[in-house]
N, C-alpha and C. Protein backbone atom coordinates (compact mmCIF):
# COMPACT_ATOMS: atom_id res chain seq x y z
N MET A 1 11.78 5.59 -17.04
CA MET A 1 10.51 5.37 -15.86
C MET A 1 10.57 4.28 -15.40
N LYS A 2 10.54 4.50 -13.26
CA LYS A 2 10.67 4.14 -12.83
C LYS A 2 9.14 2.84 -12.27
N SER A 3 9.72 1.53 -11.43
CA SER A 3 7.86 1.24 -10.94
C SER A 3 8.08 0.89 -9.28
N ALA A 4 7.03 0.67 -9.08
CA ALA A 4 6.58 1.24 -7.72
C ALA A 4 5.69 0.02 -7.18
N VAL A 5 6.43 -0.38 -6.16
CA VAL A 5 5.16 -1.25 -4.95
C VAL A 5 4.30 -0.22 -4.23
N PHE A 6 2.79 -0.12 -3.54
CA PHE A 6 2.53 0.74 -3.46
C PHE A 6 1.70 0.22 -2.28
N LEU A 7 1.83 0.04 -1.06
CA LEU A 7 1.68 -0.58 0.13
C LEU A 7 0.45 0.44 1.11
N GLU A 8 -0.42 -0.49 1.16
CA GLU A 8 -1.55 -0.58 2.28
C GLU A 8 -0.96 -0.81 3.57
N ARG A 9 -1.16 0.43 4.31
CA ARG A 9 -0.59 1.01 5.49
C ARG A 9 -1.20 -0.17 6.50
N ASP A 10 -2.52 0.13 6.93
CA ASP A 10 -3.24 -0.57 8.40
C ASP A 10 -3.12 -1.85 7.66
N GLY A 11 -2.89 -2.81 8.61
CA GLY A 11 -3.03 -4.81 8.34
C GLY A 11 -2.16 -5.29 7.26
N ILE A 12 -1.10 -4.35 6.58
CA ILE A 12 -0.31 -5.01 5.88
C ILE A 12 1.30 -4.48 6.75
N LEU A 13 1.38 -3.57 7.02
CA LEU A 13 2.96 -2.86 7.41
C LEU A 13 2.62 -2.44 9.17
N ASN A 14 1.43 -2.58 9.49
CA ASN A 14 1.19 -2.19 11.12
C ASN A 14 0.14 -3.34 11.55
N MET A 15 0.01 -3.23 12.30
CA MET A 15 -1.17 -3.87 13.02
C MET A 15 -2.17 -3.28 13.55
N CYS A 16 -3.20 -4.20 12.98
CA CYS A 16 -4.74 -3.63 13.66
C CYS A 16 -5.44 -4.47 14.75
N ALA A 17 -6.26 -3.82 15.66
CA ALA A 17 -7.08 -4.89 16.15
C ALA A 17 -8.49 -4.66 15.26
N VAL A 18 -9.06 -5.34 15.72
CA VAL A 18 -10.43 -5.51 15.31
C VAL A 18 -11.67 -5.83 15.87
N GLN A 19 -12.26 -4.63 15.65
CA GLN A 19 -13.49 -5.09 16.54
C GLN A 19 -14.87 -4.64 15.98
N ASN A 20 -16.29 -5.65 15.53
CA ASN A 20 -16.88 -5.38 15.15
C ASN A 20 -16.65 -5.58 13.81
N GLN A 21 -16.09 -6.57 13.18
CA GLN A 21 -15.60 -6.75 11.87
C GLN A 21 -14.93 -5.96 10.90
N ARG A 22 -14.49 -5.03 11.92
CA ARG A 22 -13.67 -3.63 11.40
C ARG A 22 -12.49 -3.04 12.04
N GLN A 23 -11.56 -2.62 11.46
CA GLN A 23 -10.12 -2.73 11.32
C GLN A 23 -10.08 -1.50 12.23
N VAL A 24 -9.18 -1.48 13.43
CA VAL A 24 -9.24 -0.10 13.91
C VAL A 24 -7.73 0.16 14.19
N VAL A 25 -7.43 1.83 13.47
CA VAL A 25 -6.64 1.86 13.23
C VAL A 25 -5.74 2.59 14.81
N PRO A 26 -4.40 2.71 14.53
CA PRO A 26 -3.29 2.91 15.91
C PRO A 26 -4.01 4.79 15.66
N LEU A 27 -4.31 5.40 17.10
CA LEU A 27 -4.45 7.12 16.71
C LEU A 27 -3.75 7.52 17.53
N ARG A 28 -3.02 7.04 18.16
CA ARG A 28 -1.93 7.45 19.01
C ARG A 28 -0.33 6.63 18.48
N VAL A 29 0.62 7.46 18.66
CA VAL A 29 1.78 6.61 18.13
C VAL A 29 2.32 5.12 18.92
N GLU A 30 1.58 5.35 20.32
CA GLU A 30 1.91 4.27 21.34
C GLU A 30 1.37 3.11 20.85
N GLU A 31 0.10 3.72 19.85
CA GLU A 31 -0.55 2.45 19.64
C GLU A 31 -0.11 1.67 18.18
N PHE A 32 1.30 2.26 17.47
CA PHE A 32 1.50 1.72 16.27
C PHE A 32 2.31 0.87 16.40
N LYS A 33 2.33 -0.38 15.93
CA LYS A 33 3.04 -1.24 16.02
C LYS A 33 3.06 -2.00 14.75
N ILE A 34 5.02 -1.91 13.90
CA ILE A 34 4.46 -2.34 12.79
C ILE A 34 4.98 -4.05 13.23
N VAL A 35 4.67 -4.46 11.56
CA VAL A 35 4.58 -6.02 11.48
C VAL A 35 6.65 -6.50 11.52
N GLU A 36 6.37 -6.95 12.57
CA GLU A 36 8.01 -7.23 12.64
C GLU A 36 8.61 -7.81 11.52
N GLU A 37 8.04 -8.97 10.72
CA GLU A 37 8.60 -9.44 9.19
C GLU A 37 8.55 -8.09 8.18
N ALA A 38 7.97 -7.16 8.08
CA ALA A 38 7.42 -6.62 7.30
C ALA A 38 9.05 -5.99 6.53
N ARG A 39 10.06 -5.94 7.05
CA ARG A 39 11.25 -4.99 7.21
C ARG A 39 12.22 -6.42 6.00
N GLU A 40 12.07 -7.08 6.35
CA GLU A 40 13.23 -8.26 5.54
C GLU A 40 12.33 -8.52 4.60
N LEU A 41 10.95 -8.32 4.61
CA LEU A 41 10.02 -9.01 2.90
C LEU A 41 10.02 -7.96 2.32
N LEU A 42 10.16 -6.67 2.53
CA LEU A 42 10.02 -5.88 1.56
C LEU A 42 11.71 -5.46 0.69
N LEU A 43 12.49 -5.71 1.72
CA LEU A 43 14.03 -5.99 1.08
C LEU A 43 14.22 -6.44 -0.37
N PRO A 44 13.74 -7.33 -0.46
CA PRO A 44 13.66 -7.79 -2.05
C PRO A 44 13.42 -6.79 -3.15
N LEU A 45 12.39 -6.31 -2.36
CA LEU A 45 11.35 -5.76 -3.41
C LEU A 45 12.37 -4.41 -3.83
N LYS A 46 13.02 -4.38 -3.08
CA LYS A 46 13.90 -2.69 -2.78
C LYS A 46 15.44 -2.89 -3.49
N ARG A 47 15.90 -4.40 -3.47
CA ARG A 47 16.93 -4.76 -3.99
C ARG A 47 16.53 -4.75 -5.89
N ALA A 48 15.28 -5.02 -6.49
CA ALA A 48 14.62 -5.12 -7.20
C ALA A 48 14.22 -4.17 -8.27
N GLY A 49 14.49 -3.25 -7.34
CA GLY A 49 14.48 -1.83 -7.71
C GLY A 49 12.83 -0.89 -7.65
N PHE A 50 12.41 -1.57 -7.08
CA PHE A 50 11.11 -0.66 -6.78
C PHE A 50 11.39 0.47 -5.77
N LEU A 51 10.61 1.81 -6.09
CA LEU A 51 10.43 2.54 -4.91
C LEU A 51 9.02 1.77 -3.95
N LEU A 52 9.32 1.81 -2.70
CA LEU A 52 8.44 1.63 -1.83
C LEU A 52 7.19 2.89 -1.46
N ILE A 53 6.58 2.79 -1.61
CA ILE A 53 5.07 3.78 -1.52
C ILE A 53 4.11 3.47 -0.73
N VAL A 54 3.94 4.07 0.53
CA VAL A 54 2.71 3.84 1.54
C VAL A 54 1.81 4.72 0.74
N ALA A 55 0.67 3.89 0.40
CA ALA A 55 -0.62 5.23 0.13
C ALA A 55 -1.69 4.67 0.71
N THR A 56 -2.30 5.58 1.59
CA THR A 56 -3.05 5.27 2.80
C THR A 56 -4.40 6.25 3.39
N ASN A 57 -5.53 5.55 3.52
CA ASN A 57 -6.54 6.86 3.47
C ASN A 57 -6.08 6.49 5.31
N GLN A 58 -6.54 8.11 5.48
CA GLN A 58 -6.57 7.99 6.88
C GLN A 58 -7.56 8.95 7.37
N PRO A 59 -8.91 8.99 7.49
CA PRO A 59 -10.07 9.28 7.37
C PRO A 59 -9.97 10.17 9.30
N ALA A 60 -9.57 9.47 9.81
CA ALA A 60 -9.60 9.73 11.31
C ALA A 60 -9.21 10.97 11.69
N VAL A 61 -8.32 11.66 10.62
CA VAL A 61 -7.58 12.82 10.60
C VAL A 61 -8.43 13.98 10.36
N SER A 62 -9.62 14.25 9.15
CA SER A 62 -10.47 14.33 9.31
C SER A 62 -11.81 14.54 9.91
N GLN A 63 -11.76 13.39 10.91
CA GLN A 63 -13.03 13.33 12.15
C GLN A 63 -12.27 13.92 12.98
N GLY A 64 -11.17 14.09 12.88
CA GLY A 64 -10.89 14.87 14.32
C GLY A 64 -10.25 14.03 15.62
N LEU A 65 -9.96 12.70 15.00
CA LEU A 65 -9.57 11.45 16.02
C LEU A 65 -8.12 11.78 16.21
N LEU A 66 -7.68 12.00 14.77
CA LEU A 66 -5.86 11.85 14.75
C LEU A 66 -5.22 12.73 14.21
N SER A 67 -4.13 13.17 15.25
CA SER A 67 -3.89 14.76 14.91
C SER A 67 -2.91 14.47 13.70
N ARG A 68 -2.74 15.41 12.91
CA ARG A 68 -1.74 15.49 12.14
C ARG A 68 -0.20 14.77 12.45
N ASN A 69 0.08 15.62 13.48
CA ASN A 69 1.55 15.13 14.01
C ASN A 69 1.26 14.15 14.69
N GLU A 70 0.60 13.30 15.21
CA GLU A 70 0.59 11.76 15.57
C GLU A 70 0.89 10.99 14.38
N LEU A 71 0.47 11.42 13.14
CA LEU A 71 0.45 10.54 12.19
C LEU A 71 1.52 10.87 11.54
N ASP A 72 2.15 12.13 11.38
CA ASP A 72 3.75 12.23 10.62
C ASP A 72 4.76 11.47 12.12
N MET A 73 4.46 11.42 12.79
CA MET A 73 5.90 10.84 13.69
C MET A 73 5.11 8.69 13.06
N MET A 74 3.96 8.38 13.10
CA MET A 74 4.07 7.38 12.84
C MET A 74 4.38 6.86 11.49
N HIS A 75 4.16 7.89 10.55
CA HIS A 75 5.41 7.81 9.34
C HIS A 75 6.63 7.79 8.97
N ALA A 76 7.25 8.79 10.24
CA ALA A 76 8.23 8.87 10.57
C ALA A 76 8.98 6.84 10.91
N ILE A 77 8.72 6.85 11.96
CA ILE A 77 8.46 5.55 12.24
C ILE A 77 8.58 4.59 10.71
N LEU A 78 7.71 4.52 10.29
CA LEU A 78 7.60 3.61 9.16
C LEU A 78 9.04 4.11 7.99
N ARG A 79 9.18 4.98 7.97
CA ARG A 79 10.47 5.35 6.85
C ARG A 79 11.45 4.65 7.27
N LYS A 80 11.86 5.41 8.60
CA LYS A 80 13.15 4.49 9.23
C LYS A 80 13.15 2.94 9.24
N LYS A 81 12.15 2.26 9.97
CA LYS A 81 12.18 1.06 10.11
C LYS A 81 12.41 0.15 8.76
N LEU A 82 11.49 0.54 7.58
CA LEU A 82 11.02 0.23 6.40
C LEU A 82 11.48 0.37 5.27
N SER A 83 12.20 1.44 5.86
CA SER A 83 12.73 1.75 4.57
C SER A 83 12.27 2.50 3.31
N ILE A 84 11.18 3.06 3.73
CA ILE A 84 9.90 3.22 2.90
C ILE A 84 10.42 4.79 1.67
N ASP A 85 10.33 4.90 0.88
CA ASP A 85 10.65 5.85 0.07
C ASP A 85 9.73 6.81 -0.06
N ASP A 86 8.57 6.14 0.21
CA ASP A 86 7.59 8.04 0.29
C ASP A 86 6.32 7.46 0.66
N VAL A 87 5.29 8.38 2.05
CA VAL A 87 4.14 7.69 2.27
C VAL A 87 3.48 9.50 1.99
N LEU A 88 1.97 8.60 1.21
CA LEU A 88 1.09 9.39 1.29
C LEU A 88 -0.14 9.08 1.59
N VAL A 89 -0.59 10.24 2.23
CA VAL A 89 -1.99 10.60 2.72
C VAL A 89 -3.25 10.67 2.12
N CYS A 90 -4.38 10.34 2.33
CA CYS A 90 -5.65 10.49 1.79
C CYS A 90 -5.88 10.60 3.69
N PRO A 91 -6.36 12.28 3.99
CA PRO A 91 -7.04 12.40 4.97
C PRO A 91 -8.59 12.48 5.62
N TYR A 92 -9.40 12.64 3.90
CA TYR A 92 -10.76 12.68 3.80
C TYR A 92 -11.61 11.24 4.12
N ASP A 93 -12.68 11.81 4.67
CA ASP A 93 -13.62 11.04 4.80
C ASP A 93 -14.70 10.76 4.17
N ASP A 94 -14.22 10.81 2.84
CA ASP A 94 -15.20 10.75 1.69
C ASP A 94 -14.50 10.15 0.68
N GLU A 95 -15.36 8.60 0.16
CA GLU A 95 -15.01 8.13 -0.92
C GLU A 95 -14.88 8.53 -2.50
N SER A 96 -15.70 9.81 -2.68
CA SER A 96 -15.52 10.11 -3.86
C SER A 96 -14.20 11.41 -3.80
N HIS A 97 -13.52 11.58 -2.75
CA HIS A 97 -12.48 12.64 -3.04
C HIS A 97 -11.48 12.26 -3.89
N PRO A 98 -11.09 12.78 -4.94
CA PRO A 98 -9.98 12.03 -5.83
C PRO A 98 -8.77 11.54 -5.14
N CYS A 99 -8.15 11.91 -3.63
CA CYS A 99 -7.45 10.85 -3.00
C CYS A 99 -7.64 9.69 -2.62
N CYS A 100 -8.81 9.48 -2.42
CA CYS A 100 -9.48 8.64 -0.94
C CYS A 100 -9.74 7.55 -1.74
N LYS A 101 -9.12 6.38 -1.42
CA LYS A 101 -9.05 5.03 -2.28
C LYS A 101 -10.55 4.66 -1.89
N PRO A 102 -11.83 4.28 -2.95
CA PRO A 102 -10.82 3.44 -4.38
C PRO A 102 -10.45 4.55 -5.20
N GLN A 103 -10.51 5.84 -5.21
CA GLN A 103 -10.34 6.84 -6.22
C GLN A 103 -8.76 6.70 -6.66
N PRO A 104 -8.26 6.70 -7.13
CA PRO A 104 -6.53 6.38 -7.91
C PRO A 104 -6.03 7.64 -7.49
N GLY A 105 -6.41 8.83 -7.27
CA GLY A 105 -5.18 10.16 -6.62
C GLY A 105 -4.18 10.24 -6.07
N LEU A 106 -3.95 9.01 -5.07
CA LEU A 106 -2.85 8.92 -4.58
C LEU A 106 -1.95 8.22 -5.52
N PHE A 107 -2.14 6.94 -6.33
CA PHE A 107 -1.15 6.79 -7.30
C PHE A 107 -0.96 7.52 -8.54
N MET A 108 -1.78 8.46 -8.85
CA MET A 108 -1.45 9.32 -9.76
C MET A 108 -0.52 10.13 -9.07
N GLU A 109 -0.94 10.74 -8.27
CA GLU A 109 0.16 11.90 -7.78
C GLU A 109 1.63 11.59 -7.54
N ALA A 110 1.50 10.10 -6.65
CA ALA A 110 3.32 9.09 -7.06
C ALA A 110 3.84 9.41 -8.33
N ALA A 111 3.05 8.78 -9.65
CA ALA A 111 3.55 9.07 -10.57
C ALA A 111 4.18 10.25 -11.23
N PHE A 112 3.26 11.20 -10.78
CA PHE A 112 3.78 12.57 -11.30
C PHE A 112 5.31 12.47 -10.41
N LYS A 113 5.12 12.29 -9.22
CA LYS A 113 6.00 12.92 -8.29
C LYS A 113 7.39 11.91 -8.35
N TRP A 114 7.22 10.91 -8.77
CA TRP A 114 8.27 10.16 -8.70
C TRP A 114 8.91 9.19 -10.49
N SER A 115 7.88 10.06 -11.27
CA SER A 115 8.23 9.42 -12.29
C SER A 115 7.65 8.05 -12.86
N LEU A 116 6.94 7.55 -12.42
CA LEU A 116 6.10 6.47 -11.92
C LEU A 116 5.70 5.53 -13.78
N ASP A 117 5.83 4.47 -13.97
CA ASP A 117 5.35 3.65 -15.09
C ASP A 117 4.08 2.86 -14.17
N LEU A 118 2.91 3.55 -14.11
CA LEU A 118 2.26 2.07 -13.24
C LEU A 118 2.13 1.39 -13.76
N ASP A 119 1.76 1.18 -15.31
CA ASP A 119 1.75 -0.25 -16.15
C ASP A 119 2.96 -1.34 -15.12
N GLN A 120 3.84 -1.04 -14.45
CA GLN A 120 4.98 -1.89 -13.92
C GLN A 120 4.80 -1.27 -12.44
N SER A 121 3.55 -1.31 -12.23
CA SER A 121 3.59 -0.94 -10.41
C SER A 121 2.78 -1.77 -10.35
N PHE A 122 3.04 -1.90 -8.62
CA PHE A 122 2.15 -2.89 -8.01
C PHE A 122 1.20 -2.33 -6.85
N VAL A 123 0.37 -3.06 -6.35
CA VAL A 123 -0.32 -2.88 -5.51
C VAL A 123 -0.26 -3.78 -3.93
N ILE A 124 0.34 -3.93 -2.73
CA ILE A 124 -0.03 -4.95 -1.73
C ILE A 124 -1.02 -4.11 -0.34
N SER A 125 -2.08 -4.78 -0.31
CA SER A 125 -2.98 -4.70 0.09
C SER A 125 -3.98 -5.63 0.69
N ASP A 126 -4.89 -5.36 1.89
CA ASP A 126 -5.88 -6.39 2.16
C ASP A 126 -7.21 -5.69 2.17
N LYS A 127 -7.67 -5.01 1.10
CA LYS A 127 -8.68 -3.84 1.05
C LYS A 127 -9.32 -3.71 -0.31
N TRP A 128 -10.19 -4.24 -0.87
CA TRP A 128 -11.16 -4.18 -2.12
C TRP A 128 -10.58 -2.62 -2.41
N GLN A 129 -10.35 -1.36 -1.25
CA GLN A 129 -10.54 -0.68 -2.09
C GLN A 129 -9.05 0.08 -2.74
N ASP A 130 -8.06 -0.71 -2.47
CA ASP A 130 -7.18 -0.60 -3.13
C ASP A 130 -6.61 -1.54 -4.14
N ALA A 131 -7.83 -2.28 -4.52
CA ALA A 131 -7.51 -3.11 -5.75
C ALA A 131 -7.84 -2.25 -6.77
N LYS A 132 -9.52 -1.88 -6.52
CA LYS A 132 -10.30 -0.95 -7.12
C LYS A 132 -9.23 0.17 -8.23
N ALA A 133 -8.19 0.84 -6.58
CA ALA A 133 -8.03 2.01 -6.98
C ALA A 133 -6.33 1.74 -8.15
N ALA A 134 -6.09 0.75 -8.05
CA ALA A 134 -5.29 -0.16 -9.02
C ALA A 134 -5.52 -0.05 -10.06
N GLN A 135 -6.74 -0.91 -10.04
CA GLN A 135 -7.44 -1.52 -11.88
C GLN A 135 -7.35 0.27 -12.35
N ILE A 136 -7.99 1.19 -11.62
CA ILE A 136 -7.80 2.54 -12.20
C ILE A 136 -7.09 2.94 -12.75
N ALA A 137 -5.77 3.10 -12.22
CA ALA A 137 -4.57 3.72 -12.30
C ALA A 137 -3.78 2.49 -13.42
N GLY A 138 -4.20 1.52 -13.20
CA GLY A 138 -3.58 0.70 -14.47
C GLY A 138 -2.27 -0.44 -13.54
N CYS A 139 -2.52 -0.33 -12.21
CA CYS A 139 -1.40 -0.77 -11.43
C CYS A 139 -1.82 -2.40 -11.14
N THR A 140 -1.18 -3.56 -11.12
CA THR A 140 -1.63 -4.85 -10.83
C THR A 140 -1.40 -4.97 -9.03
N SER A 141 -3.16 -5.35 -8.69
CA SER A 141 -3.32 -5.39 -6.99
C SER A 141 -2.66 -6.74 -6.80
N VAL A 142 -2.30 -7.02 -6.21
CA VAL A 142 -2.16 -8.68 -4.78
C VAL A 142 -2.01 -8.40 -4.16
N LEU A 143 -3.67 -8.71 -3.59
CA LEU A 143 -4.71 -8.13 -2.21
C LEU A 143 -3.96 -9.56 -1.15
N VAL A 144 -3.74 -9.25 -0.30
CA VAL A 144 -3.14 -10.52 1.17
C VAL A 144 -5.18 -10.43 1.80
N ARG A 145 -5.38 -12.05 1.92
CA ARG A 145 -6.58 -12.30 2.03
C ARG A 145 -6.88 -11.81 3.40
N SER A 146 -7.91 -11.54 3.12
CA SER A 146 -8.88 -11.22 4.88
C SER A 146 -10.48 -10.61 4.49
N PRO A 147 -10.66 -10.56 5.62
CA PRO A 147 -12.55 -9.80 5.70
C PRO A 147 -12.65 -8.90 4.79
N TRP A 148 -11.39 -7.85 4.39
CA TRP A 148 -11.57 -6.68 3.64
C TRP A 148 -11.56 -6.91 2.05
N THR A 149 -11.21 -7.73 1.62
CA THR A 149 -11.22 -8.05 0.41
C THR A 149 -11.97 -8.16 -0.91
N GLY A 150 -13.06 -8.36 -0.25
CA GLY A 150 -14.45 -7.83 -0.92
C GLY A 150 -14.45 -8.62 -2.14
N ASP A 151 -15.37 -8.39 -2.72
CA ASP A 151 -16.02 -9.56 -4.12
C ASP A 151 -15.63 -8.64 -5.28
N ASP A 152 -15.23 -7.04 -5.63
CA ASP A 152 -15.00 -6.25 -6.14
C ASP A 152 -13.61 -6.55 -7.40
N HIS A 153 -13.20 -6.06 -8.22
CA HIS A 153 -11.89 -6.56 -8.90
C HIS A 153 -10.41 -6.50 -8.29
N HIS A 154 -9.37 -8.11 -8.26
CA HIS A 154 -8.02 -7.76 -8.08
C HIS A 154 -7.48 -8.70 -9.10
N ASP A 155 -6.63 -8.32 -9.24
CA ASP A 155 -5.41 -9.63 -9.94
C ASP A 155 -5.40 -10.53 -9.13
N PHE A 156 -4.74 -10.77 -7.99
CA PHE A 156 -4.16 -11.95 -7.61
C PHE A 156 -4.43 -11.60 -5.97
N ILE A 157 -5.15 -12.60 -5.31
CA ILE A 157 -5.27 -12.89 -3.67
C ILE A 157 -3.93 -13.94 -3.36
N VAL A 158 -3.52 -13.52 -2.38
CA VAL A 158 -2.46 -14.50 -1.60
C VAL A 158 -2.57 -14.26 -0.28
N GLU A 159 -1.59 -15.34 0.52
CA GLU A 159 -2.17 -15.70 1.85
C GLU A 159 -1.40 -14.33 3.28
N ASP A 160 -0.51 -14.07 2.32
CA ASP A 160 0.37 -12.87 3.22
C ASP A 160 1.11 -11.88 2.80
N LEU A 161 1.92 -11.23 3.45
CA LEU A 161 2.83 -10.44 2.94
C LEU A 161 3.87 -11.32 2.20
N LYS A 162 4.78 -11.97 2.77
CA LYS A 162 5.69 -12.73 1.39
C LYS A 162 5.34 -13.03 0.32
N ALA A 163 4.29 -14.18 0.24
CA ALA A 163 3.26 -14.55 -0.70
C ALA A 163 3.11 -13.39 -1.88
N ALA A 164 3.27 -12.22 -1.31
CA ALA A 164 2.43 -10.97 -1.94
C ALA A 164 4.01 -10.73 -2.58
N THR A 165 4.71 -10.09 -1.67
CA THR A 165 6.62 -9.56 -2.61
C THR A 165 6.71 -11.02 -3.32
N LYS A 166 6.50 -12.37 -2.88
CA LYS A 166 7.12 -13.65 -4.01
C LYS A 166 6.33 -12.98 -5.30
N LYS A 167 5.11 -13.36 -5.54
CA LYS A 167 4.70 -12.67 -6.30
C LYS A 167 5.19 -11.98 -7.35
N ILE A 168 5.02 -10.63 -6.25
CA ILE A 168 5.46 -9.17 -7.03
C ILE A 168 6.63 -9.37 -8.39
N LEU A 169 7.83 -10.38 -7.50
CA LEU A 169 9.07 -10.37 -7.88
C LEU A 169 9.22 -11.44 -9.09
N GLN A 170 8.20 -12.54 -8.88
CA GLN A 170 7.79 -13.25 -10.08
C GLN A 170 7.43 -12.84 -11.46
N LEU A 171 6.51 -12.03 -11.05
CA LEU A 171 5.15 -11.13 -12.24
C LEU A 171 6.40 -10.15 -12.87
N TYR A 172 7.08 -9.38 -11.88
CA TYR A 172 8.37 -8.82 -12.76
C TYR A 172 9.33 -8.98 -13.57
N SER A 173 9.56 -10.37 -12.62
CA SER A 173 10.89 -11.01 -13.42
C SER A 173 10.34 -11.59 -14.78
N GLN A 174 8.86 -11.81 -15.24
CA GLN A 174 8.25 -12.23 -16.48
C GLN A 174 8.30 -11.49 -17.06
N ARG A 175 7.78 -10.22 -16.54
CA ARG A 175 7.77 -9.28 -17.67
C ARG A 175 8.93 -8.45 -18.23
N PHE A 176 9.92 -8.71 -17.52
CA PHE A 176 11.44 -8.16 -17.94
C PHE A 176 11.54 -8.94 -18.87
N THR A 177 11.70 -10.57 -18.49
CA THR A 177 11.87 -11.50 -19.75
C THR A 177 11.44 -11.13 -20.74
N VAL A 178 10.15 -10.86 -21.03
CA VAL A 178 9.46 -10.49 -22.29
C VAL A 178 9.47 -9.83 -22.52
N ALA A 179 9.78 -8.39 -22.14
CA ALA A 179 10.30 -7.35 -22.88
C ALA A 179 11.96 -7.22 -23.21
N THR A 180 12.43 -8.14 -22.71
CA THR A 180 14.17 -8.27 -23.29
C THR A 180 14.15 -9.79 -24.10
N GLY A 181 13.22 -10.22 -24.20
CA GLY A 181 13.35 -11.77 -24.86
C GLY A 181 14.54 -12.72 -24.34
N THR A 182 15.26 -12.46 -23.19
CA THR A 182 15.83 -13.20 -22.62
C THR A 182 15.52 -14.32 -21.90
């Protein structure tokens, strides 16, 4: 079975404005700005054998604020510039929907589609909802410190994406060493 790193899109892979203490996500491809250092920071994860999967709530689709075509163009940019293996989207504005984080539906869908071992997979985000979904799915959460990390469950909090990738590689290396006895 394979291992993955699930990545929150907004605030981790692309920049978001903040208004009224909330992230403002891009609604047009012209507003979609990838975090420049993300590609370089994600490459060691790819080299270690992880699949890189974006799992993102995009309620603006069901709210009629974001067209699916614009969203697909944004995700095509992500795939090309960051070597992302897959992008899974929950378009609903309802946290009780199975695919809407903090529900684990996107992680479960990826596990089925990619034959993933969720116990050996990780989640990088800056939001508590992703950490909660990770906990339910059995993944390890590595949250980047932000106003949205909340007080709910999380496995690790780090300062930035660089520290998150370093932490995952450290944890994965330790698990591999323990599993093989080397």
